[in-house]
C-alpha atoms as a PDB file:
ATOM      1  CA  MET A   1      -7.717 -14.093  33.978  1.00  0.00           C
ATOM      2  CA  LYS A   2      -4.467 -12.955  35.588  1.00  0.00           C
ATOM      3  CA  GLU A   3      -1.106 -13.699  33.948  1.00  0.00           C
ATOM      4  CA  LYS A   4      -0.150 -16.118  36.721  1.00  0.00           C
ATOM      5  CA  ASP A   5      -3.400 -18.062  36.278  1.00  0.00           C
ATOM      6  CA  LYS A   6      -2.877 -18.210  32.496  1.00  0.00           C
ATOM      7  CA  LEU A   7       0.641 -19.527  33.037  1.00  0.00           C
ATOM      8  CA  ILE A   8      -0.550 -22.232  35.433  1.00  0.00           C
ATOM      9  CA  LYS A   9      -3.371 -23.280  33.098  1.00  0.00           C
ATOM     10  CA  LEU A  10      -1.119 -23.457  30.041  1.00  0.00           C
ATOM     11  CA  SER A  11       1.622 -25.322  31.942  1.00  0.00           C
ATOM     12  CA  SER A  12      -0.955 -27.820  33.185  1.00  0.00           C
ATOM     13  CA  GLN A  13      -2.263 -28.374  29.650  1.00  0.00           C
ATOM     14  CA  VAL A  14       1.289 -28.968  28.368  1.00  0.00           C
ATOM     15  CA  ILE A  15       2.036 -31.501  31.114  1.00  0.00           C
ATOM     16  CA  ASP A  16      -1.285 -33.298  30.512  1.00  0.00           C
ATOM     17  CA  LEU A  17      -0.630 -33.501  26.771  1.00  0.00           C
ATOM     18  CA  ALA A  18       2.932 -34.722  27.254  1.00  0.00           C
ATOM     19  CA  ILE A  19       1.709 -37.463  29.574  1.00  0.00           C
ATOM     20  CA  LYS A  20      -0.998 -38.513  27.108  1.00  0.00           C
ATOM     21  CA  ALA A  21       1.479 -38.452  24.208  1.00  0.00           C
ATOM     22  CA  ARG A  22       4.068 -40.312  26.320  1.00  0.00           C
ATOM     23  CA  ARG A  23       6.688 -37.663  25.626  1.00  0.00           C
ATOM     24  CA  MET A  24       9.330 -36.193  27.939  1.00  0.00           C
ATOM     25  CA  ILE A  25      10.128 -32.484  27.694  1.00  0.00           C
ATOM     26  CA  VAL A  26      13.463 -30.701  28.053  1.00  0.00           C
ATOM     27  CA  THR A  27      13.757 -26.916  28.190  1.00  0.00           C
ATOM     28  CA  VAL A  28      16.808 -24.940  27.083  1.00  0.00           C
ATOM     29  CA  GLU A  29      16.658 -21.365  28.229  1.00  0.00           C
ATOM     30  CA  SER A  30      18.758 -18.254  28.047  1.00  0.00           C
ATOM     31  CA  CYS A  31      16.853 -14.985  28.553  1.00  0.00           C
ATOM     32  CA  THR A  32      14.066 -16.633  30.582  1.00  0.00           C
ATOM     33  CA  GLY A  33      16.562 -18.040  33.073  1.00  0.00           C
ATOM     34  CA  GLY A  34      14.598 -21.214  33.805  1.00  0.00           C
ATOM     35  CA  LEU A  35      11.101 -19.739  33.955  1.00  0.00           C
ATOM     36  CA  VAL A  36       9.699 -22.297  31.488  1.00  0.00           C
ATOM     37  CA  ALA A  37      11.128 -25.197  33.516  1.00  0.00           C
ATOM     38  CA  LYS A  38       9.815 -23.647  36.740  1.00  0.00           C
ATOM     39  CA  SER A  39       6.359 -23.192  35.237  1.00  0.00           C
ATOM     40  CA  LEU A  40       6.192 -26.807  34.121  1.00  0.00           C
ATOM     41  CA  THR A  41       7.519 -28.229  37.373  1.00  0.00           C
ATOM     42  CA  ASP A  42       5.029 -26.163  39.378  1.00  0.00           C
ATOM     43  CA  ILE A  43       2.409 -28.615  38.085  1.00  0.00           C
ATOM     44  CA  PRO A  44       1.836 -31.667  40.316  1.00  0.00           C
ATOM     45  CA  GLY A  45       2.752 -34.862  38.457  1.00  0.00           C
ATOM     46  CA  SER A  46       5.099 -33.053  36.066  1.00  0.00           C
ATOM     47  CA  SER A  47       7.853 -35.611  36.727  1.00  0.00           C
ATOM     48  CA  SER A  48       5.939 -37.944  34.393  1.00  0.00           C
ATOM     49  CA  ALA A  49       6.476 -35.541  31.495  1.00  0.00           C
ATOM     50  CA  PHE A  50       9.388 -33.231  32.339  1.00  0.00           C
ATOM     51  CA  SER A  51      12.906 -34.601  32.019  1.00  0.00           C
ATOM     52  CA  HIS A  52      15.105 -31.588  32.774  1.00  0.00           C
ATOM     53  CA  GLY A  53      15.840 -27.957  32.142  1.00  0.00           C
ATOM     54  CA  ILE A  54      19.079 -26.360  31.025  1.00  0.00           C
ATOM     55  CA  VAL A  55      19.858 -22.676  31.525  1.00  0.00           C
ATOM     56  CA  THR A  56      22.695 -21.569  29.270  1.00  0.00           C
ATOM     57  CA  TYR A  57      22.713 -17.868  29.960  1.00  0.00           C
ATOM     58  CA  SER A  58      26.294 -17.215  28.886  1.00  0.00           C
ATOM     59  CA  ASN A  59      27.945 -18.019  25.591  1.00  0.00           C
ATOM     60  CA  SER A  60      30.474 -20.125  27.508  1.00  0.00           C
ATOM     61  CA  ALA A  61      27.640 -22.280  28.845  1.00  0.00           C
ATOM     62  CA  LYS A  62      26.173 -22.637  25.363  1.00  0.00           C
ATOM     63  CA  MET A  63      29.553 -23.836  24.114  1.00  0.00           C
ATOM     64  CA  THR A  64      30.350 -26.137  27.037  1.00  0.00           C
ATOM     65  CA  ILE A  65      26.942 -27.648  27.805  1.00  0.00           C
ATOM     66  CA  LEU A  66      25.312 -27.636  24.370  1.00  0.00           C
ATOM     67  CA  ASN A  67      28.412 -28.039  22.178  1.00  0.00           C
ATOM     68  CA  ILE A  68      27.683 -24.889  20.213  1.00  0.00           C
ATOM     69  CA  LYS A  69      30.819 -23.790  18.416  1.00  0.00           C
ATOM     70  CA  LYS A  70      32.390 -20.428  19.198  1.00  0.00           C
ATOM     71  CA  THR A  71      32.483 -19.720  15.464  1.00  0.00           C
ATOM     72  CA  ALA A  72      28.700 -20.191  15.244  1.00  0.00           C
ATOM     73  CA  LEU A  73      28.133 -17.764  18.110  1.00  0.00           C
ATOM     74  CA  LYS A  74      30.493 -15.256  16.518  1.00  0.00           C
ATOM     75  CA  GLU A  75      28.923 -15.612  13.069  1.00  0.00           C
ATOM     76  CA  HIS A  76      25.254 -15.540  14.126  1.00  0.00           C
ATOM     77  CA  SER A  77      25.291 -14.130  17.705  1.00  0.00           C
ATOM     78  CA  ALA A  78      23.578 -15.804  20.641  1.00  0.00           C
ATOM     79  CA  VAL A  79      20.247 -14.213  19.749  1.00  0.00           C
ATOM     80  CA  SER A  80      19.611 -15.772  16.360  1.00  0.00           C
ATOM     81  CA  GLU A  81      17.529 -18.417  14.700  1.00  0.00           C
ATOM     82  CA  GLN A  82      20.607 -20.562  14.061  1.00  0.00           C
ATOM     83  CA  ILE A  83      21.636 -20.630  17.734  1.00  0.00           C
ATOM     84  CA  ALA A  84      18.053 -21.287  18.897  1.00  0.00           C
ATOM     85  CA  ILE A  85      17.953 -24.278  16.529  1.00  0.00           C
ATOM     86  CA  MET A  86      21.270 -25.602  17.834  1.00  0.00           C
ATOM     87  CA  MET A  87      20.102 -25.165  21.422  1.00  0.00           C
ATOM     88  CA  ALA A  88      16.864 -27.075  20.811  1.00  0.00           C
ATOM     89  CA  LYS A  89      18.478 -29.829  18.755  1.00  0.00           C
ATOM     90  CA  ASN A  90      21.545 -30.335  20.942  1.00  0.00           C
ATOM     91  CA  ALA A  91      19.424 -30.632  24.096  1.00  0.00           C
ATOM     92  CA  LEU A  92      17.201 -33.308  22.591  1.00  0.00           C
ATOM     93  CA  ASN A  93      18.224 -36.782  23.691  1.00  0.00           C
ATOM     94  CA  GLU A  94      16.086 -39.737  22.746  1.00  0.00           C
ATOM     95  CA  ASN A  95      17.019 -41.531  25.966  1.00  0.00           C
ATOM     96  CA  LEU A  96      15.909 -38.654  28.189  1.00  0.00           C
ATOM     97  CA  SER A  97      13.575 -36.444  26.196  1.00  0.00           C
ATOM     98  CA  HIS A  98      11.414 -36.392  23.088  1.00  0.00           C
ATOM     99  CA  VAL A  99      10.454 -32.719  22.804  1.00  0.00           C
ATOM    100  CA  SER A 100      12.505 -29.598  23.478  1.00  0.00           C
ATOM    101  CA  VAL A 101      11.997 -25.885  23.501  1.00  0.00           C
ATOM    102  CA  ALA A 102      14.824 -23.349  23.346  1.00  0.00           C
ATOM    103  CA  ILE A 103      14.672 -19.623  24.000  1.00  0.00           C
ATOM    104  CA  THR A 104      17.290 -16.976  23.341  1.00  0.00           C
ATOM    105  CA  GLY A 105      16.587 -13.272  23.363  1.00  0.00           C
ATOM    106  CA  ILE A 106      17.111  -9.822  24.770  1.00  0.00           C
ATOM    107  CA  ALA A 107      15.012  -9.202  27.859  1.00  0.00           C
ATOM    108  CA  GLY A 108      16.671  -5.872  28.664  1.00  0.00           C
ATOM    109  CA  PRO A 109      17.124  -3.341  29.988  1.00  0.00           C
ATOM    110  CA  THR A 110      20.578  -3.633  28.381  1.00  0.00           C
ATOM    111  CA  GLY A 111      22.052  -5.745  25.588  1.00  0.00           C
ATOM    112  CA  ALA A 112      20.116  -4.281  22.687  1.00  0.00           C
ATOM    113  CA  SER A 113      21.604  -3.134  19.394  1.00  0.00           C
ATOM    114  CA  ASN A 114      20.183  -1.424  16.306  1.00  0.00           C
ATOM    115  CA  ASN A 115      19.178  -4.718  14.680  1.00  0.00           C
ATOM    116  CA  LYS A 116      18.399  -6.586  17.937  1.00  0.00           C
ATOM    117  CA  PRO A 117      16.093  -4.509  20.145  1.00  0.00           C
ATOM    118  CA  ILE A 118      14.941  -5.285  23.651  1.00  0.00           C
ATOM    119  CA  GLY A 119      12.109  -7.775  23.392  1.00  0.00           C
ATOM    120  CA  MET A 120      13.533  -9.673  20.408  1.00  0.00           C
ATOM    121  CA  VAL A 121      13.319 -13.397  21.148  1.00  0.00           C
ATOM    122  CA  TRP A 122      14.011 -16.496  19.070  1.00  0.00           C
ATOM    123  CA  LEU A 123      12.263 -19.733  20.014  1.00  0.00           C
ATOM    124  CA  ALA A 124      12.902 -23.190  18.614  1.00  0.00           C
ATOM    125  CA  TRP A 125      11.039 -26.435  19.233  1.00  0.00           C
ATOM    126  CA  SER A 126      12.428 -29.809  18.286  1.00  0.00           C
ATOM    127  CA  TYR A 127      10.877 -33.234  18.497  1.00  0.00           C
ATOM    128  CA  TYR A 128      11.148 -36.702  17.089  1.00  0.00           C
ATOM    129  CA  LYS A 129       8.674 -37.725  14.413  1.00  0.00           C
ATOM    130  CA  GLU A 130       9.142 -41.054  12.619  1.00  0.00           C
ATOM    131  CA  ASN A 131      12.749 -41.263  13.866  1.00  0.00           C
ATOM    132  CA  GLN A 132      13.559 -37.854  12.390  1.00  0.00           C
ATOM    133  CA  ILE A 133      14.181 -34.620  14.264  1.00  0.00           C
ATOM    134  CA  VAL A 134      11.732 -31.878  13.320  1.00  0.00           C
ATOM    135  CA  ILE A 135      12.639 -28.292  14.200  1.00  0.00           C
ATOM    136  CA  ASP A 136      10.326 -25.273  14.123  1.00  0.00           C
ATOM    137  CA  THR A 137      11.326 -21.696  14.912  1.00  0.00           C
ATOM    138  CA  GLN A 138       9.600 -18.441  15.632  1.00  0.00           C
ATOM    139  CA  LEU A 139      10.855 -14.878  15.990  1.00  0.00           C
ATOM    140  CA  CYS A 140       8.942 -12.670  18.416  1.00  0.00           C
ATOM    141  CA  TYR A 141       9.120  -9.057  19.476  1.00  0.00           C
ATOM    142  CA  PHE A 142       7.644  -8.442  22.919  1.00  0.00           C
ATOM    143  CA  ASP A 143       6.925  -5.044  24.445  1.00  0.00           C
ATOM    144  CA  GLY A 144       7.484  -4.167  28.051  1.00  0.00           C
ATOM    145  CA  ASP A 145      10.095  -4.397  30.733  1.00  0.00           C
ATOM    146  CA  ARG A 146      12.406  -7.323  31.475  1.00  0.00           C
ATOM    147  CA  ASN A 147       9.809  -9.258  33.469  1.00  0.00           C
ATOM    148  CA  LYS A 148       7.156  -8.791  30.798  1.00  0.00           C
ATOM    149  CA  VAL A 149       9.492  -9.954  28.012  1.00  0.00           C
ATOM    150  CA  ARG A 150      10.462 -13.040  30.040  1.00  0.00           C
ATOM    151  CA  LEU A 151       6.831 -13.846  30.873  1.00  0.00           C
ATOM    152  CA  GLU A 152       5.657 -13.423  27.256  1.00  0.00           C
ATOM    153  CA  SER A 153       8.579 -15.562  26.050  1.00  0.00           C
ATOM    154  CA  THR A 154       7.604 -18.277  28.519  1.00  0.00           C
ATOM    155  CA  MET A 155       3.965 -18.180  27.413  1.00  0.00           C
ATOM    156  CA  MET A 156       5.017 -18.447  23.766  1.00  0.00           C
ATOM    157  CA  ALA A 157       7.334 -21.370  24.553  1.00  0.00           C
ATOM    158  CA  LEU A 158       4.529 -23.198  26.354  1.00  0.00           C
ATOM    159  CA  THR A 159       2.000 -22.428  23.617  1.00  0.00           C
ATOM    160  CA  GLY A 160       4.425 -23.879  21.074  1.00  0.00           C
ATOM    161  CA  LEU A 161       4.949 -26.989  23.192  1.00  0.00           C
ATOM    162  CA  GLU A 162       1.192 -27.417  23.493  1.00  0.00           C
ATOM    163  CA  LYS A 163       0.752 -27.157  19.717  1.00  0.00           C
ATOM    164  CA  ARG A 164       3.455 -29.729  18.976  1.00  0.00           C
ATOM    165  CA  LEU A 165       2.331 -32.141  21.695  1.00  0.00           C
ATOM    166  CA  LYS A 166      -1.212 -32.056  20.277  1.00  0.00           C
ATOM    167  CA  LYS A 167       0.230 -33.132  16.919  1.00  0.00           C
ATOM    168  CA  LEU A 168       2.298 -35.877  18.523  1.00  0.00           C
ATOM    169  CA  HIS A 169      -0.643 -37.118  20.604  1.00  0.00           C
ATOM    170  CA  SER A 170      -2.844 -37.448  17.532  1.00  0.00           C
ATOM    171  CA  VAL A 171      -0.249 -39.543  15.690  1.00  0.00           C
END
């Protein structure tokens, strides 16, 4: 199965699960530049399960749109578990969305450092369970060029959404 077909199938499964679980999704993306939101909204009927997408590519956008403090970005850097958590949590809004996914990473070909190589991506998922916010994170290292890193990050984000929506649907 081609990558595009896998992406469509996974996106469709996520939308179907969100509809069944009666949950609205919000995406918060940096290195993927909106690819997760695009993938979900490519699915007919996605408006029943997709609230909105936020692309906060710059640190200024993260601070302004998501209320992430400059000190947090300076202390942890944009590509960190802490910032991914803040992105996912701060985008979640019970009135608009019930499940979020956030992605921050280094897609390349520039921006890498000794401890943060190209392909390093942090993902965070947040959702409401029994009136509490639950947050899960995952660190990934993807091989390949910029497009490959962005595609793999998107697939991982969708796979994580699918996993969490299955849990929420069974509740």
